[in-house]
Amino acid sequence: MHYSVELEVPADTPVLTPVTAPLELPVGFLRHTTIVFPPGCSRMVLVCILEGATQLFPRNSDLKYAEDGYHFEIDEFYRMDTAKTLTVSASSAGTAYKHVISIHYEVVTQEDLAMERSGYY
């Protein structure tokens, strides 16, 4: 299943009080995530994905995703034995305009993976 979330980041959102949006994940595997930065972000909008207080993406917790007119493609195999809610977190300290970040993600089930391996998909 494919899912999408948009997160509006107001101008000058401080790093210490970022805006957030939930990523609702069913049981399965988070296989692919795309984070889209529209033109104009000037690498000043910082985004990460959290599970609770732990940063999942990017894996290096000292860094955040930041770009301008670019999208990050994240191939990952994050297993979820129960439905989970991850959090997208974004800040934009020093910016003069709001920005809308789009997050697209794919979750597959164990059955989907078995069908792919068998050649049904």
PDB file of N, CA and C in Angstrom:
ATOM      1  N   MET A   1       0.843  -1.176   0.000  1.00  0.00           N
ATOM      2  CA  MET A   1       0.000   0.000   0.000  1.00  0.00           C
ATOM      3  C   MET A   1       0.885   1.235   0.000  1.00  0.00           C
ATOM      4  N   HIS A   2       0.439   2.225  -0.742  1.00  0.00           N
ATOM      5  CA  HIS A   2       1.147   3.499  -0.822  1.00  0.00           C
ATOM      6  C   HIS A   2       0.382   4.543  -0.010  1.00  0.00           C
ATOM      7  N   TYR A   3       1.124   5.376   0.701  1.00  0.00           N
ATOM      8  CA  TYR A   3       0.545   6.407   1.553  1.00  0.00           C
ATOM      9  C   TYR A   3       1.269   7.726   1.293  1.00  0.00           C
ATOM     10  N   SER A   4       0.586   8.836   1.578  1.00  0.00           N
ATOM     11  CA  SER A   4       1.199  10.160   1.433  1.00  0.00           C
ATOM     12  C   SER A   4       0.762  11.064   2.575  1.00  0.00           C
ATOM     13  N   VAL A   5       1.678  11.926   2.983  1.00  0.00           N
ATOM     14  CA  VAL A   5       1.412  12.927   4.011  1.00  0.00           C
ATOM     15  C   VAL A   5       2.065  14.224   3.554  1.00  0.00           C
ATOM     16  N   GLU A   6       1.374  15.335   3.762  1.00  0.00           N
ATOM     17  CA  GLU A   6       1.985  16.640   3.519  1.00  0.00           C
ATOM     18  C   GLU A   6       2.122  17.357   4.849  1.00  0.00           C
ATOM     19  N   LEU A   7       3.253  17.997   5.021  1.00  0.00           N
ATOM     20  CA  LEU A   7       3.535  18.717   6.260  1.00  0.00           C
ATOM     21  C   LEU A   7       3.845  20.168   5.919  1.00  0.00           C
ATOM     22  N   GLU A   8       2.990  21.076   6.394  1.00  0.00           N
ATOM     23  CA  GLU A   8       3.230  22.501   6.182  1.00  0.00           C
ATOM     24  C   GLU A   8       4.156  23.008   7.286  1.00  0.00           C
ATOM     25  N   VAL A   9       5.278  23.569   6.865  1.00  0.00           N
ATOM     26  CA  VAL A   9       6.274  24.068   7.809  1.00  0.00           C
ATOM     27  C   VAL A   9       6.217  25.594   7.769  1.00  0.00           C
ATOM     28  N   PRO A  10       5.680  26.228   8.821  1.00  0.00           N
ATOM     29  CA  PRO A  10       5.602  27.689   8.825  1.00  0.00           C
ATOM     30  C   PRO A  10       6.985  28.332   8.749  1.00  0.00           C
ATOM     31  N   ALA A  11       7.017  29.560   8.282  1.00  0.00           N
ATOM     32  CA  ALA A  11       8.275  30.301   8.223  1.00  0.00           C
ATOM     33  C   ALA A  11       8.906  30.377   9.605  1.00  0.00           C
ATOM     34  N   ASP A  12      10.219  30.245   9.635  1.00  0.00           N
ATOM     35  CA  ASP A  12      11.018  30.421  10.854  1.00  0.00           C
ATOM     36  C   ASP A  12      10.579  29.504  12.004  1.00  0.00           C
ATOM     37  N   THR A  13      10.287  28.245  11.697  1.00  0.00           N
ATOM     38  CA  THR A  13       9.944  27.263  12.736  1.00  0.00           C
ATOM     39  C   THR A  13      11.229  26.823  13.431  1.00  0.00           C
ATOM     40  N   PRO A  14      11.352  27.070  14.745  1.00  0.00           N
ATOM     41  CA  PRO A  14      12.593  26.747  15.456  1.00  0.00           C
ATOM     42  C   PRO A  14      12.885  25.243  15.514  1.00  0.00           C
ATOM     43  N   VAL A  15      14.156  24.903  15.569  1.00  0.00           N
ATOM     44  CA  VAL A  15      14.593  23.517  15.671  1.00  0.00           C
ATOM     45  C   VAL A  15      14.077  22.876  16.967  1.00  0.00           C
ATOM     46  N   LEU A  16      13.999  23.651  18.034  1.00  0.00           N
ATOM     47  CA  LEU A  16      13.562  23.113  19.326  1.00  0.00           C
ATOM     48  C   LEU A  16      12.059  22.900  19.417  1.00  0.00           C
ATOM     49  N   THR A  17      11.284  23.514  18.514  1.00  0.00           N
ATOM     50  CA  THR A  17       9.831  23.314  18.506  1.00  0.00           C
ATOM     51  C   THR A  17       9.368  23.053  17.069  1.00  0.00           C
ATOM     52  N   PRO A  18       9.764  21.913  16.510  1.00  0.00           N
ATOM     53  CA  PRO A  18       9.414  21.607  15.118  1.00  0.00           C
ATOM     54  C   PRO A  18       7.927  21.299  14.956  1.00  0.00           C
ATOM     55  N   VAL A  19       7.443  21.390  13.720  1.00  0.00           N
ATOM     56  CA  VAL A  19       6.090  20.917  13.422  1.00  0.00           C
ATOM     57  C   VAL A  19       6.193  19.422  13.138  1.00  0.00           C
ATOM     58  N   THR A  20       5.108  18.703  13.384  1.00  0.00           N
ATOM     59  CA  THR A  20       5.134  17.260  13.195  1.00  0.00           C
ATOM     60  C   THR A  20       3.863  16.785  12.498  1.00  0.00           C
ATOM     61  N   ALA A  21       3.957  15.609  11.924  1.00  0.00           N
ATOM     62  CA  ALA A  21       2.802  14.940  11.329  1.00  0.00           C
ATOM     63  C   ALA A  21       2.976  13.439  11.545  1.00  0.00           C
ATOM     64  N   PRO A  22       1.881  12.734  11.803  1.00  0.00           N
ATOM     65  CA  PRO A  22       1.987  11.283  12.005  1.00  0.00           C
ATOM     66  C   PRO A  22       2.078  10.523  10.684  1.00  0.00           C
ATOM     67  N   LEU A  23       2.836   9.438  10.706  1.00  0.00           N
ATOM     68  CA  LEU A  23       2.855   8.465   9.616  1.00  0.00           C
ATOM     69  C   LEU A  23       2.233   7.199  10.182  1.00  0.00           C
ATOM     70  N   GLU A  24       1.015   6.904   9.787  1.00  0.00           N
ATOM     71  CA  GLU A  24       0.304   5.732  10.291  1.00  0.00           C
ATOM     72  C   GLU A  24       0.728   4.516   9.472  1.00  0.00           C
ATOM     73  N   LEU A  25       1.317   3.540  10.127  1.00  0.00           N
ATOM     74  CA  LEU A  25       1.835   2.362   9.440  1.00  0.00           C
ATOM     75  C   LEU A  25       1.117   1.103   9.902  1.00  0.00           C
ATOM     76  N   PRO A  26       0.588   0.320   8.964  1.00  0.00           N
ATOM     77  CA  PRO A  26      -0.015  -0.960   9.339  1.00  0.00           C
ATOM     78  C   PRO A  26       1.079  -2.004   9.564  1.00  0.00           C
ATOM     79  N   VAL A  27       0.685  -3.184   9.983  1.00  0.00           N
ATOM     80  CA  VAL A  27       1.623  -4.292  10.133  1.00  0.00           C
ATOM     81  C   VAL A  27       2.246  -4.578   8.776  1.00  0.00           C
ATOM     82  N   GLY A  28       3.544  -4.810   8.751  1.00  0.00           N
ATOM     83  CA  GLY A  28       4.241  -5.108   7.499  1.00  0.00           C
ATOM     84  C   GLY A  28       5.650  -4.574   7.512  1.00  0.00           C
ATOM     85  N   PHE A  29       6.118  -4.197   6.332  1.00  0.00           N
ATOM     86  CA  PHE A  29       7.474  -3.687   6.171  1.00  0.00           C
ATOM     87  C   PHE A  29       7.417  -2.333   5.481  1.00  0.00           C
ATOM     88  N   LEU A  30       8.028  -1.326   6.113  1.00  0.00           N
ATOM     89  CA  LEU A  30       8.197  -0.034   5.460  1.00  0.00           C
ATOM     90  C   LEU A  30       9.327  -0.227   4.467  1.00  0.00           C
ATOM     91  N   ARG A  31       8.990  -0.245   3.182  1.00  0.00           N
ATOM     92  CA  ARG A  31       9.972  -0.609   2.170  1.00  0.00           C
ATOM     93  C   ARG A  31      10.592   0.595   1.483  1.00  0.00           C
ATOM     94  N   HIS A  32       9.808   1.633   1.280  1.00  0.00           N
ATOM     95  CA  HIS A  32      10.329   2.770   0.530  1.00  0.00           C
ATOM     96  C   HIS A  32       9.673   4.052   1.035  1.00  0.00           C
ATOM     97  N   THR A  33      10.479   5.099   1.169  1.00  0.00           N
ATOM     98  CA  THR A  33       9.990   6.413   1.574  1.00  0.00           C
ATOM     99  C   THR A  33      10.605   7.459   0.657  1.00  0.00           C
ATOM    100  N   THR A  34       9.785   8.430   0.244  1.00  0.00           N
ATOM    101  CA  THR A  34      10.268   9.563  -0.544  1.00  0.00           C
ATOM    102  C   THR A  34       9.932  10.833   0.217  1.00  0.00           C
ATOM    103  N   ILE A  35      10.913  11.701   0.409  1.00  0.00           N
ATOM    104  CA  ILE A  35      10.689  13.002   1.035  1.00  0.00           C
ATOM    105  C   ILE A  35      10.959  14.051  -0.032  1.00  0.00           C
ATOM    106  N   VAL A  36       9.937  14.862  -0.338  1.00  0.00           N
ATOM    107  CA  VAL A  36      10.018  15.832  -1.427  1.00  0.00           C
ATOM    108  C   VAL A  36      10.176  17.247  -0.863  1.00  0.00           C
ATOM    109  N   PHE A  37      11.265  17.898  -1.256  1.00  0.00           N
ATOM    110  CA  PHE A  37      11.521  19.294  -0.902  1.00  0.00           C
ATOM    111  C   PHE A  37      11.241  20.145  -2.134  1.00  0.00           C
ATOM    112  N   PRO A  38      10.245  21.025  -2.094  1.00  0.00           N
ATOM    113  CA  PRO A  38       9.957  21.846  -3.265  1.00  0.00           C
ATOM    114  C   PRO A  38      11.035  22.910  -3.479  1.00  0.00           C
ATOM    115  N   PRO A  39      11.087  23.498  -4.673  1.00  0.00           N
ATOM    116  CA  PRO A  39      12.023  24.598  -4.896  1.00  0.00           C
ATOM    117  C   PRO A  39      11.756  25.738  -3.897  1.00  0.00           C
ATOM    118  N   GLY A  40      12.804  26.357  -3.428  1.00  0.00           N
ATOM    119  CA  GLY A  40      12.684  27.477  -2.504  1.00  0.00           C
ATOM    120  C   GLY A  40      13.056  27.146  -1.070  1.00  0.00           C
ATOM    121  N   CYS A  41      13.239  25.876  -0.751  1.00  0.00           N
ATOM    122  CA  CYS A  41      13.603  25.502   0.629  1.00  0.00           C
ATOM    123  C   CYS A  41      15.031  25.928   0.973  1.00  0.00           C
ATOM    124  N   SER A  42      15.859  26.074  -0.034  1.00  0.00           N
ATOM    125  CA  SER A  42      17.241  26.557   0.143  1.00  0.00           C
ATOM    126  C   SER A  42      18.027  25.786   1.202  1.00  0.00           C
ATOM    127  N   ARG A  43      17.738  24.507   1.345  1.00  0.00           N
ATOM    128  CA  ARG A  43      18.397  23.651   2.339  1.00  0.00           C
ATOM    129  C   ARG A  43      18.235  24.173   3.772  1.00  0.00           C
ATOM    130  N   MET A  44      17.181  24.965   4.004  1.00  0.00           N
ATOM    131  CA  MET A  44      16.934  25.526   5.332  1.00  0.00           C
ATOM    132  C   MET A  44      15.790  24.829   6.066  1.00  0.00           C
ATOM    133  N   VAL A  45      15.056  23.960   5.365  1.00  0.00           N
ATOM    134  CA  VAL A  45      13.998  23.174   5.995  1.00  0.00           C
ATOM    135  C   VAL A  45      14.615  21.814   6.338  1.00  0.00           C
ATOM    136  N   LEU A  46      14.598  21.471   7.615  1.00  0.00           N
ATOM    137  CA  LEU A  46      15.233  20.246   8.108  1.00  0.00           C
ATOM    138  C   LEU A  46      14.152  19.238   8.470  1.00  0.00           C
ATOM    139  N   VAL A  47      14.288  18.012   7.960  1.00  0.00           N
ATOM    140  CA  VAL A  47      13.266  16.983   8.155  1.00  0.00           C
ATOM    141  C   VAL A  47      13.904  15.695   8.653  1.00  0.00           C
ATOM    142  N   CYS A  48      13.206  15.009   9.566  1.00  0.00           N
ATOM    143  CA  CYS A  48      13.612  13.675   9.991  1.00  0.00           C
ATOM    144  C   CYS A  48      12.359  12.874  10.324  1.00  0.00           C
ATOM    145  N   ILE A  49      12.523  11.566  10.437  1.00  0.00           N
ATOM    146  CA  ILE A  49      11.423  10.680  10.805  1.00  0.00           C
ATOM    147  C   ILE A  49      11.798   9.985  12.107  1.00  0.00           C
ATOM    148  N   LEU A  50      10.862  10.015  13.055  1.00  0.00           N
ATOM    149  CA  LEU A  50      11.108   9.516  14.399  1.00  0.00           C
ATOM    150  C   LEU A  50      10.172   8.362  14.756  1.00  0.00           C
ATOM    151  N   GLU A  51      10.667   7.478  15.612  1.00  0.00           N
ATOM    152  CA  GLU A  51       9.812   6.522  16.310  1.00  0.00           C
ATOM    153  C   GLU A  51       9.943   6.870  17.781  1.00  0.00           C
ATOM    154  N   GLY A  52       8.907   7.474  18.324  1.00  0.00           N
ATOM    155  CA  GLY A  52       9.008   8.015  19.676  1.00  0.00           C
ATOM    156  C   GLY A  52      10.054   9.122  19.675  1.00  0.00           C
ATOM    157  N   ALA A  53      11.025   9.013  20.571  1.00  0.00           N
ATOM    158  CA  ALA A  53      12.096  10.012  20.634  1.00  0.00           C
ATOM    159  C   ALA A  53      13.327   9.610  19.821  1.00  0.00           C
ATOM    160  N   THR A  54      13.283   8.439  19.190  1.00  0.00           N
ATOM    161  CA  THR A  54      14.430   7.926  18.440  1.00  0.00           C
ATOM    162  C   THR A  54      14.322   8.298  16.968  1.00  0.00           C
ATOM    163  N   GLN A  55      15.359   8.902  16.428  1.00  0.00           N
ATOM    164  CA  GLN A  55      15.379   9.246  15.013  1.00  0.00           C
ATOM    165  C   GLN A  55      15.686   8.003  14.182  1.00  0.00           C
ATOM    166  N   LEU A  56      14.778   7.672  13.248  1.00  0.00           N
ATOM    167  CA  LEU A  56      14.976   6.526  12.364  1.00  0.00           C
ATOM    168  C   LEU A  56      15.680   6.922  11.073  1.00  0.00           C
ATOM    169  N   PHE A  57      15.246   8.043  10.484  1.00  0.00           N
ATOM    170  CA  PHE A  57      15.803   8.514   9.211  1.00  0.00           C
ATOM    171  C   PHE A  57      16.051  10.004   9.288  1.00  0.00           C
ATOM    172  N   PRO A  58      17.214  10.495   8.910  1.00  0.00           N
ATOM    173  CA  PRO A  58      18.353   9.680   8.521  1.00  0.00           C
ATOM    174  C   PRO A  58      18.916   8.916   9.726  1.00  0.00           C
ATOM    175  N   ARG A  59      19.611   7.843   9.427  1.00  0.00           N
ATOM    176  CA  ARG A  59      20.153   6.979  10.483  1.00  0.00           C
ATOM    177  C   ARG A  59      21.142   7.716  11.381  1.00  0.00           C
ATOM    178  N   ASN A  60      21.900   8.637  10.806  1.00  0.00           N
ATOM    179  CA  ASN A  60      22.838   9.439  11.585  1.00  0.00           C
ATOM    180  C   ASN A  60      22.034  10.512  12.315  1.00  0.00           C
ATOM    181  N   SER A  61      21.834  10.346  13.603  1.00  0.00           N
ATOM    182  CA  SER A  61      20.949  11.244  14.362  1.00  0.00           C
ATOM    183  C   SER A  61      21.473  12.670  14.479  1.00  0.00           C
ATOM    184  N   ASP A  62      22.717  12.909  14.081  1.00  0.00           N
ATOM    185  CA  ASP A  62      23.252  14.268  14.093  1.00  0.00           C
ATOM    186  C   ASP A  62      22.828  15.059  12.863  1.00  0.00           C
ATOM    187  N   LEU A  63      22.230  14.382  11.881  1.00  0.00           N
ATOM    188  CA  LEU A  63      21.866  15.025  10.622  1.00  0.00           C
ATOM    189  C   LEU A  63      20.369  15.016  10.401  1.00  0.00           C
ATOM    190  N   LYS A  64      19.912  15.877   9.509  1.00  0.00           N
ATOM    191  CA  LYS A  64      18.521  15.915   9.049  1.00  0.00           C
ATOM    192  C   LYS A  64      18.562  16.008   7.534  1.00  0.00           C
ATOM    193  N   TYR A  65      17.466  15.623   6.891  1.00  0.00           N
ATOM    194  CA  TYR A  65      17.358  15.816   5.443  1.00  0.00           C
ATOM    195  C   TYR A  65      17.076  17.289   5.182  1.00  0.00           C
ATOM    196  N   ALA A  66      17.757  17.851   4.185  1.00  0.00           N
ATOM    197  CA  ALA A  66      17.552  19.246   3.789  1.00  0.00           C
ATOM    198  C   ALA A  66      17.953  19.383   2.333  1.00  0.00           C
ATOM    199  N   GLU A  67      17.080  19.980   1.535  1.00  0.00           N
ATOM    200  CA  GLU A  67      17.379  20.148   0.109  1.00  0.00           C
ATOM    201  C   GLU A  67      16.584  21.304  -0.459  1.00  0.00           C
ATOM    202  N   ASP A  68      16.690  21.468  -1.766  1.00  0.00           N
ATOM    203  CA  ASP A  68      15.976  22.521  -2.481  1.00  0.00           C
ATOM    204  C   ASP A  68      15.592  21.982  -3.857  1.00  0.00           C
ATOM    205  N   GLY A  69      14.301  21.776  -4.082  1.00  0.00           N
ATOM    206  CA  GLY A  69      13.854  21.253  -5.363  1.00  0.00           C
ATOM    207  C   GLY A  69      14.387  19.853  -5.629  1.00  0.00           C
ATOM    208  N   TYR A  70      14.371  19.014  -4.622  1.00  0.00           N
ATOM    209  CA  TYR A  70      14.952  17.681  -4.720  1.00  0.00           C
ATOM    210  C   TYR A  70      14.122  16.722  -3.868  1.00  0.00           C
ATOM    211  N   HIS A  71      14.239  15.432  -4.131  1.00  0.00           N
ATOM    212  CA  HIS A  71      13.558  14.448  -3.295  1.00  0.00           C
ATOM    213  C   HIS A  71      14.541  13.352  -2.897  1.00  0.00           C
ATOM    214  N   PHE A  72      14.418  12.936  -1.650  1.00  0.00           N
ATOM    215  CA  PHE A  72      15.225  11.830  -1.132  1.00  0.00           C
ATOM    216  C   PHE A  72      14.443  10.542  -1.315  1.00  0.00           C
ATOM    217  N   GLU A  73      15.077   9.537  -1.871  1.00  0.00           N
ATOM    218  CA  GLU A  73      14.503   8.212  -2.025  1.00  0.00           C
ATOM    219  C   GLU A  73      15.183   7.311  -0.993  1.00  0.00           C
ATOM    220  N   ILE A  74      14.404   6.796  -0.058  1.00  0.00           N
ATOM    221  CA  ILE A  74      14.954   5.996   1.033  1.00  0.00           C
ATOM    222  C   ILE A  74      14.449   4.570   0.883  1.00  0.00           C
ATOM    223  N   ASP A  75      15.336   3.666   0.525  1.00  0.00           N
ATOM    224  CA  ASP A  75      14.998   2.244   0.472  1.00  0.00           C
ATOM    225  C   ASP A  75      15.398   1.627   1.797  1.00  0.00           C
ATOM    226  N   GLU A  76      14.424   1.085   2.473  1.00  0.00           N
ATOM    227  CA  GLU A  76      14.647   0.560   3.812  1.00  0.00           C
ATOM    228  C   GLU A  76      13.738  -0.649   3.977  1.00  0.00           C
ATOM    229  N   PHE A  77      14.066  -1.502   4.881  1.00  0.00           N
ATOM    230  CA  PHE A  77      13.222  -2.646   5.188  1.00  0.00           C
ATOM    231  C   PHE A  77      12.960  -2.627   6.679  1.00  0.00           C
ATOM    232  N   TYR A  78      12.091  -1.729   7.108  1.00  0.00           N
ATOM    233  CA  TYR A  78      11.794  -1.538   8.526  1.00  0.00           C
ATOM    234  C   TYR A  78      10.566  -2.382   8.891  1.00  0.00           C
ATOM    235  N   ARG A  79      10.766  -3.395   9.708  1.00  0.00           N
ATOM    236  CA  ARG A  79       9.703  -4.341  10.048  1.00  0.00           C
ATOM    237  C   ARG A  79       8.821  -3.816  11.173  1.00  0.00           C
ATOM    238  N   MET A  80       7.508  -4.010  10.991  1.00  0.00           N
ATOM    239  CA  MET A  80       6.542  -3.638  12.022  1.00  0.00           C
ATOM    240  C   MET A  80       5.654  -4.839  12.306  1.00  0.00           C
ATOM    241  N   ASP A  81       5.795  -5.418  13.492  1.00  0.00           N
ATOM    242  CA  ASP A  81       4.981  -6.568  13.880  1.00  0.00           C
ATOM    243  C   ASP A  81       3.593  -6.144  14.333  1.00  0.00           C
ATOM    244  N   THR A  82       3.462  -4.878  14.700  1.00  0.00           N
ATOM    245  CA  THR A  82       2.163  -4.295  15.056  1.00  0.00           C
ATOM    246  C   THR A  82       2.049  -2.960  14.324  1.00  0.00           C
ATOM    247  N   ALA A  83       0.838  -2.462  14.196  1.00  0.00           N
ATOM    248  CA  ALA A  83       0.653  -1.144  13.588  1.00  0.00           C
ATOM    249  C   ALA A  83       1.402  -0.107  14.428  1.00  0.00           C
ATOM    250  N   LYS A  84       2.024   0.849  13.748  1.00  0.00           N
ATOM    251  CA  LYS A  84       2.816   1.866  14.451  1.00  0.00           C
ATOM    252  C   LYS A  84       2.502   3.238  13.893  1.00  0.00           C
ATOM    253  N   THR A  85       2.825   4.225  14.698  1.00  0.00           N
ATOM    254  CA  THR A  85       2.761   5.604  14.240  1.00  0.00           C
ATOM    255  C   THR A  85       4.153   6.198  14.372  1.00  0.00           C
ATOM    256  N   LEU A  86       4.750   6.516  13.228  1.00  0.00           N
ATOM    257  CA  LEU A  86       6.017   7.250  13.224  1.00  0.00           C
ATOM    258  C   LEU A  86       5.682   8.729  13.105  1.00  0.00           C
ATOM    259  N   THR A  87       6.661   9.584  13.304  1.00  0.00           N
ATOM    260  CA  THR A  87       6.439  11.020  13.255  1.00  0.00           C
ATOM    261  C   THR A  87       7.419  11.678  12.301  1.00  0.00           C
ATOM    262  N   VAL A  88       6.887  12.512  11.412  1.00  0.00           N
ATOM    263  CA  VAL A  88       7.732  13.357  10.577  1.00  0.00           C
ATOM    264  C   VAL A  88       7.901  14.660  11.340  1.00  0.00           C
ATOM    265  N   SER A  89       9.127  15.118  11.475  1.00  0.00           N
ATOM    266  CA  SER A  89       9.437  16.330  12.220  1.00  0.00           C
ATOM    267  C   SER A  89      10.178  17.287  11.300  1.00  0.00           C
ATOM    268  N   ALA A  90       9.782  18.578  11.317  1.00  0.00           N
ATOM    269  CA  ALA A  90      10.429  19.547  10.428  1.00  0.00           C
ATOM    270  C   ALA A  90      10.559  20.903  11.100  1.00  0.00           C
ATOM    271  N   SER A  91      11.674  21.550  10.814  1.00  0.00           N
ATOM    272  CA  SER A  91      11.914  22.915  11.291  1.00  0.00           C
ATOM    273  C   SER A  91      12.434  23.743  10.118  1.00  0.00           C
ATOM    274  N   SER A  92      12.417  25.070  10.300  1.00  0.00           N
ATOM    275  CA  SER A  92      12.844  25.955   9.211  1.00  0.00           C
ATOM    276  C   SER A  92      13.401  27.267   9.751  1.00  0.00           C
ATOM    277  N   ALA A  93      14.263  27.170  10.732  1.00  0.00           N
ATOM    278  CA  ALA A  93      14.818  28.370  11.367  1.00  0.00           C
ATOM    279  C   ALA A  93      15.464  29.279  10.325  1.00  0.00           C
ATOM    280  N   GLY A  94      15.121  30.554  10.386  1.00  0.00           N
ATOM    281  CA  GLY A  94      15.720  31.545   9.490  1.00  0.00           C
ATOM    282  C   GLY A  94      15.007  31.726   8.161  1.00  0.00           C
ATOM    283  N   THR A  95      13.931  30.971   7.912  1.00  0.00           N
ATOM    284  CA  THR A  95      13.226  31.122   6.641  1.00  0.00           C
ATOM    285  C   THR A  95      12.189  32.239   6.729  1.00  0.00           C
ATOM    286  N   ALA A  96      11.834  32.791   5.572  1.00  0.00           N
ATOM    287  CA  ALA A  96      10.864  33.886   5.509  1.00  0.00           C
ATOM    288  C   ALA A  96       9.501  33.432   4.983  1.00  0.00           C
ATOM    289  N   TYR A  97       9.417  32.201   4.469  1.00  0.00           N
ATOM    290  CA  TYR A  97       8.177  31.704   3.882  1.00  0.00           C
ATOM    291  C   TYR A  97       7.855  30.319   4.416  1.00  0.00           C
ATOM    292  N   LYS A  98       6.574  29.953   4.341  1.00  0.00           N
ATOM    293  CA  LYS A  98       6.191  28.584   4.698  1.00  0.00           C
ATOM    294  C   LYS A  98       6.586  27.655   3.552  1.00  0.00           C
ATOM    295  N   HIS A  99       6.743  26.385   3.866  1.00  0.00           N
ATOM    296  CA  HIS A  99       7.073  25.363   2.875  1.00  0.00           C
ATOM    297  C   HIS A  99       6.219  24.132   3.150  1.00  0.00           C
ATOM    298  N   VAL A 100       5.855  23.422   2.092  1.00  0.00           N
ATOM    299  CA  VAL A 100       5.086  22.188   2.241  1.00  0.00           C
ATOM    300  C   VAL A 100       5.971  21.032   1.790  1.00  0.00           C
ATOM    301  N   ILE A 101       6.249  20.145   2.728  1.00  0.00           N
ATOM    302  CA  ILE A 101       7.076  18.963   2.462  1.00  0.00           C
ATOM    303  C   ILE A 101       6.133  17.780   2.257  1.00  0.00           C
ATOM    304  N   SER A 102       6.367  17.005   1.212  1.00  0.00           N
ATOM    305  CA  SER A 102       5.546  15.821   0.931  1.00  0.00           C
ATOM    306  C   SER A 102       6.335  14.566   1.277  1.00  0.00           C
ATOM    307  N   ILE A 103       5.658  13.642   1.935  1.00  0.00           N
ATOM    308  CA  ILE A 103       6.271  12.363   2.283  1.00  0.00           C
ATOM    309  C   ILE A 103       5.395  11.265   1.694  1.00  0.00           C
ATOM    310  N   HIS A 104       5.990  10.408   0.895  1.00  0.00           N
ATOM    311  CA  HIS A 104       5.288   9.276   0.297  1.00  0.00           C
ATOM    312  C   HIS A 104       5.978   8.017   0.808  1.00  0.00           C
ATOM    313  N   TYR A 105       5.189   7.017   1.193  1.00  0.00           N
ATOM    314  CA  TYR A 105       5.809   5.796   1.707  1.00  0.00           C
ATOM    315  C   TYR A 105       5.000   4.567   1.315  1.00  0.00           C
ATOM    316  N   GLU A 106       5.706   3.450   1.256  1.00  0.00           N
ATOM    317  CA  GLU A 106       5.110   2.187   0.853  1.00  0.00           C
ATOM    318  C   GLU A 106       5.307   1.165   1.961  1.00  0.00           C
ATOM    319  N   VAL A 107       4.222   0.497   2.317  1.00  0.00           N
ATOM    320  CA  VAL A 107       4.265  -0.586   3.292  1.00  0.00           C
ATOM    321  C   VAL A 107       3.777  -1.848   2.592  1.00  0.00           C
ATOM    322  N   VAL A 108       4.552  -2.920   2.700  1.00  0.00           N
ATOM    323  CA  VAL A 108       4.163  -4.199   2.107  1.00  0.00           C
ATOM    324  C   VAL A 108       3.995  -5.231   3.220  1.00  0.00           C
ATOM    325  N   THR A 109       3.137  -6.205   2.956  1.00  0.00           N
ATOM    326  CA  THR A 109       2.906  -7.278   3.926  1.00  0.00           C
ATOM    327  C   THR A 109       3.816  -8.457   3.618  1.00  0.00           C
ATOM    328  N   GLN A 110       3.872  -9.382   4.533  1.00  0.00           N
ATOM    329  CA  GLN A 110       4.627 -10.615   4.323  1.00  0.00           C
ATOM    330  C   GLN A 110       4.080 -11.354   3.103  1.00  0.00           C
ATOM    331  N   GLU A 111       2.764 -11.329   2.944  1.00  0.00           N
ATOM    332  CA  GLU A 111       2.128 -11.981   1.801  1.00  0.00           C
ATOM    333  C   GLU A 111       2.527 -11.320   0.478  1.00  0.00           C
ATOM    334  N   ASP A 112       2.599  -9.985   0.470  1.00  0.00           N
ATOM    335  CA  ASP A 112       3.038  -9.262  -0.733  1.00  0.00           C
ATOM    336  C   ASP A 112       4.440  -9.710  -1.137  1.00  0.00           C
ATOM    337  N   LEU A 113       5.319  -9.828  -0.144  1.00  0.00           N
ATOM    338  CA  LEU A 113       6.692 -10.238  -0.433  1.00  0.00           C
ATOM    339  C   LEU A 113       6.748 -11.656  -0.985  1.00  0.00           C
ATOM    340  N   ALA A 114       5.941 -12.543  -0.426  1.00  0.00           N
ATOM    341  CA  ALA A 114       5.903 -13.923  -0.918  1.00  0.00           C
ATOM    342  C   ALA A 114       5.396 -13.969  -2.354  1.00  0.00           C
ATOM    343  N   MET A 115       4.391 -13.171  -2.662  1.00  0.00           N
ATOM    344  CA  MET A 115       3.844 -13.119  -4.030  1.00  0.00           C
ATOM    345  C   MET A 115       4.891 -12.583  -5.003  1.00  0.00           C
ATOM    346  N   GLU A 116       5.640 -11.555  -4.587  1.00  0.00           N
ATOM    347  CA  GLU A 116       6.692 -11.002  -5.449  1.00  0.00           C
ATOM    348  C   GLU A 116       7.757 -12.068  -5.750  1.00  0.00           C
ATOM    349  N   ARG A 117       8.179 -12.772  -4.706  1.00  0.00           N
ATOM    350  CA  ARG A 117       9.204 -13.792  -4.881  1.00  0.00           C
ATOM    351  C   ARG A 117       8.725 -14.936  -5.770  1.00  0.00           C
ATOM    352  N   SER A 118       7.437 -15.210  -5.733  1.00  0.00           N
ATOM    353  CA  SER A 118       6.859 -16.287  -6.538  1.00  0.00           C
ATOM    354  C   SER A 118       6.589 -15.852  -7.981  1.00  0.00           C
ATOM    355  N   GLY A 119       6.750 -14.567  -8.254  1.00  0.00           N
ATOM    356  CA  GLY A 119       6.521 -14.067  -9.602  1.00  0.00           C
ATOM    357  C   GLY A 119       5.091 -13.660  -9.903  1.00  0.00           C
ATOM    358  N   TYR A 120       4.245 -13.545  -8.887  1.00  0.00           N
ATOM    359  CA  TYR A 120       2.858 -13.138  -9.111  1.00  0.00           C
ATOM    360  C   TYR A 120       2.739 -11.642  -9.363  1.00  0.00           C
ATOM    361  N   TYR A 121       3.663 -10.843  -8.883  1.00  0.00           N
ATOM    362  CA  TYR A 121       3.633  -9.391  -9.104  1.00  0.00           C
ATOM    363  C   TYR A 121       4.691  -9.032 -10.096  1.00  0.00           C
TER     364      TYR A 121
END
